[in-house]
């Protein structure tokens, strides 16, 4: 992976809706314990993934994204704080 891209209007909307910037969301991809899932509910036109990991602000986030240019570029679609149910999948989390 060499870079990240996102829609600026969507990034601004995401901050208002979820209080998570895409800059913070980008840091989840550097969490060595992050887990990636296929987003089966939103993969009709392109493969979308959900990344669960700790951000640089020590918040457990879910980042919806797709890959471009043979996986070299990550396009961030949305990011939010993980729910309690989602958090249970993160390594080391309490049941």
C-alpha atoms as a PDB file:
ATOM      1  CA  UNK A   1       0.000   0.000   0.000  1.00  0.00           C
ATOM      2  CA  UNK A   2       1.390   3.363  -0.981  1.00  0.00           C
ATOM      3  CA  UNK A   3      -1.352   5.824  -0.199  1.00  0.00           C
ATOM      4  CA  UNK A   4      -4.823   6.857   0.813  1.00  0.00           C
ATOM      5  CA  UNK A   5      -7.527   8.821  -0.989  1.00  0.00           C
ATOM      6  CA  UNK A   6     -11.004  10.006  -0.053  1.00  0.00           C
ATOM      7  CA  UNK A   7     -13.751  12.371  -1.100  1.00  0.00           C
ATOM      8  CA  UNK A   8     -13.365  15.698   0.730  1.00  0.00           C
ATOM      9  CA  UNK A   9     -17.113  16.288   1.073  1.00  0.00           C
ATOM     10  CA  UNK A  10     -17.603  12.771   2.463  1.00  0.00           C
ATOM     11  CA  UNK A  11     -14.732  13.345   4.908  1.00  0.00           C
ATOM     12  CA  UNK A  12     -16.397  16.510   6.231  1.00  0.00           C
ATOM     13  CA  UNK A  13     -19.741  14.715   6.556  1.00  0.00           C
ATOM     14  CA  UNK A  14     -18.044  11.863   8.417  1.00  0.00           C
ATOM     15  CA  UNK A  15     -16.581  14.262  10.997  1.00  0.00           C
ATOM     16  CA  UNK A  16     -20.009  15.802  11.621  1.00  0.00           C
ATOM     17  CA  UNK A  17     -21.797  12.448  11.798  1.00  0.00           C
ATOM     18  CA  UNK A  18     -19.243  10.259  13.615  1.00  0.00           C
ATOM     19  CA  UNK A  19     -16.633  12.704  15.040  1.00  0.00           C
ATOM     20  CA  UNK A  20     -13.871  10.759  13.255  1.00  0.00           C
ATOM     21  CA  UNK A  21     -11.572  12.357  10.677  1.00  0.00           C
ATOM     22  CA  UNK A  22     -10.266  10.325   7.769  1.00  0.00           C
ATOM     23  CA  UNK A  23      -6.739  11.296   8.872  1.00  0.00           C
ATOM     24  CA  UNK A  24      -7.399   9.496  12.157  1.00  0.00           C
ATOM     25  CA  UNK A  25      -9.040   6.611  10.266  1.00  0.00           C
ATOM     26  CA  UNK A  26      -5.910   6.249   8.152  1.00  0.00           C
ATOM     27  CA  UNK A  27      -3.887   5.442  11.276  1.00  0.00           C
ATOM     28  CA  UNK A  28      -5.933   2.252  11.840  1.00  0.00           C
ATOM     29  CA  UNK A  29      -4.119   0.687   8.867  1.00  0.00           C
ATOM     30  CA  UNK A  30      -0.860   0.882  10.838  1.00  0.00           C
ATOM     31  CA  UNK A  31      -2.235  -1.038  13.839  1.00  0.00           C
ATOM     32  CA  UNK A  32      -0.444  -4.395  13.770  1.00  0.00           C
ATOM     33  CA  UNK A  33      -3.465  -6.050  15.431  1.00  0.00           C
ATOM     34  CA  UNK A  34      -6.082  -4.601  13.057  1.00  0.00           C
ATOM     35  CA  UNK A  35      -8.491  -7.072  11.482  1.00  0.00           C
ATOM     36  CA  UNK A  36      -9.998  -6.753   8.014  1.00  0.00           C
ATOM     37  CA  UNK A  37     -13.413  -8.153   7.055  1.00  0.00           C
ATOM     38  CA  UNK A  38     -15.216  -8.251   3.719  1.00  0.00           C
ATOM     39  CA  UNK A  39     -18.226  -5.905   3.878  1.00  0.00           C
ATOM     40  CA  UNK A  40     -20.731  -8.330   2.383  1.00  0.00           C
ATOM     41  CA  UNK A  41     -23.635  -5.867   2.670  1.00  0.00           C
ATOM     42  CA  UNK A  42     -22.019  -3.194   0.477  1.00  0.00           C
ATOM     43  CA  UNK A  43     -20.030  -5.156  -2.097  1.00  0.00           C
ATOM     44  CA  UNK A  44     -22.409  -5.074  -5.080  1.00  0.00           C
ATOM     45  CA  UNK A  45     -20.407  -2.772  -7.386  1.00  0.00           C
ATOM     46  CA  UNK A  46     -16.952  -3.119  -5.846  1.00  0.00           C
ATOM     47  CA  UNK A  47     -15.334  -5.103  -3.046  1.00  0.00           C
ATOM     48  CA  UNK A  48     -15.566  -3.146   0.176  1.00  0.00           C
ATOM     49  CA  UNK A  49     -13.802  -3.993   3.379  1.00  0.00           C
ATOM     50  CA  UNK A  50     -14.129  -3.112   7.060  1.00  0.00           C
ATOM     51  CA  UNK A  51     -10.945  -2.585   9.056  1.00  0.00           C
ATOM     52  CA  UNK A  52     -11.240  -2.866  12.845  1.00  0.00           C
ATOM     53  CA  UNK A  53      -8.307  -1.373  14.711  1.00  0.00           C
ATOM     54  CA  UNK A  54      -6.897   1.169  17.130  1.00  0.00           C
ATOM     55  CA  UNK A  55      -6.373   4.679  15.841  1.00  0.00           C
ATOM     56  CA  UNK A  56      -3.550   7.055  16.702  1.00  0.00           C
ATOM     57  CA  UNK A  57      -5.946   8.529  19.296  1.00  0.00           C
ATOM     58  CA  UNK A  58      -6.343   5.086  20.942  1.00  0.00           C
ATOM     59  CA  UNK A  59      -9.942   4.757  19.763  1.00  0.00           C
ATOM     60  CA  UNK A  60     -11.194   1.454  18.371  1.00  0.00           C
ATOM     61  CA  UNK A  61     -12.580   2.294  14.935  1.00  0.00           C
ATOM     62  CA  UNK A  62     -14.320   0.589  12.032  1.00  0.00           C
ATOM     63  CA  UNK A  63     -13.087   1.958   8.698  1.00  0.00           C
ATOM     64  CA  UNK A  64     -15.019   1.128   5.533  1.00  0.00           C
ATOM     65  CA  UNK A  65     -12.737   1.187   2.500  1.00  0.00           C
ATOM     66  CA  UNK A  66     -11.978  -0.265  -0.904  1.00  0.00           C
ATOM     67  CA  UNK A  67      -8.704  -0.893  -2.661  1.00  0.00           C
ATOM     68  CA  UNK A  68      -7.600   0.766  -5.879  1.00  0.00           C
ATOM     69  CA  UNK A  69      -4.643   0.271  -8.209  1.00  0.00           C
ATOM     70  CA  UNK A  70      -4.151  -3.407  -7.327  1.00  0.00           C
ATOM     71  CA  UNK A  71      -4.243  -2.726  -3.598  1.00  0.00           C
ATOM     72  CA  UNK A  72      -1.660   0.055  -3.690  1.00  0.00           C
ATOM     73  CA  UNK A  73      -4.188   2.779  -2.833  1.00  0.00           C
ATOM     74  CA  UNK A  74      -6.849   2.631  -0.122  1.00  0.00           C
ATOM     75  CA  UNK A  75      -9.992   4.703  -0.658  1.00  0.00           C
ATOM     76  CA  UNK A  76     -11.580   5.502   2.708  1.00  0.00           C
ATOM     77  CA  UNK A  77     -15.371   5.602   2.495  1.00  0.00           C
ATOM     78  CA  UNK A  78     -16.399   6.056   6.143  1.00  0.00           C
ATOM     79  CA  UNK A  79     -15.090   5.666   9.680  1.00  0.00           C
ATOM     80  CA  UNK A  80     -16.744   5.447  13.067  1.00  0.00           C
ATOM     81  CA  UNK A  81     -16.213   4.216  16.595  1.00  0.00           C
ATOM     82  CA  UNK A  82     -16.651   0.428  16.811  1.00  0.00           C
ATOM     83  CA  UNK A  83     -19.740  -0.858  18.592  1.00  0.00           C
ATOM     84  CA  UNK A  84     -19.387  -3.033  21.688  1.00  0.00           C
ATOM     85  CA  UNK A  85     -20.275  -6.091  19.597  1.00  0.00           C
ATOM     86  CA  UNK A  86     -17.678  -5.224  16.940  1.00  0.00           C
ATOM     87  CA  UNK A  87     -15.068  -4.494  19.607  1.00  0.00           C
ATOM     88  CA  UNK A  88     -15.295  -8.094  20.818  1.00  0.00           C
ATOM     89  CA  UNK A  89     -13.492  -9.218  17.638  1.00  0.00           C
ATOM     90  CA  UNK A  90     -10.436  -7.099  18.400  1.00  0.00           C
ATOM     91  CA  UNK A  91      -7.521  -9.176  19.790  1.00  0.00           C
ATOM     92  CA  UNK A  92      -7.237  -8.870  23.558  1.00  0.00           C
ATOM     93  CA  UNK A  93     -10.702  -7.403  24.058  1.00  0.00           C
ATOM     94  CA  UNK A  94     -12.758  -8.576  27.004  1.00  0.00           C
ATOM     95  CA  UNK A  95     -15.804 -10.827  26.355  1.00  0.00           C
END
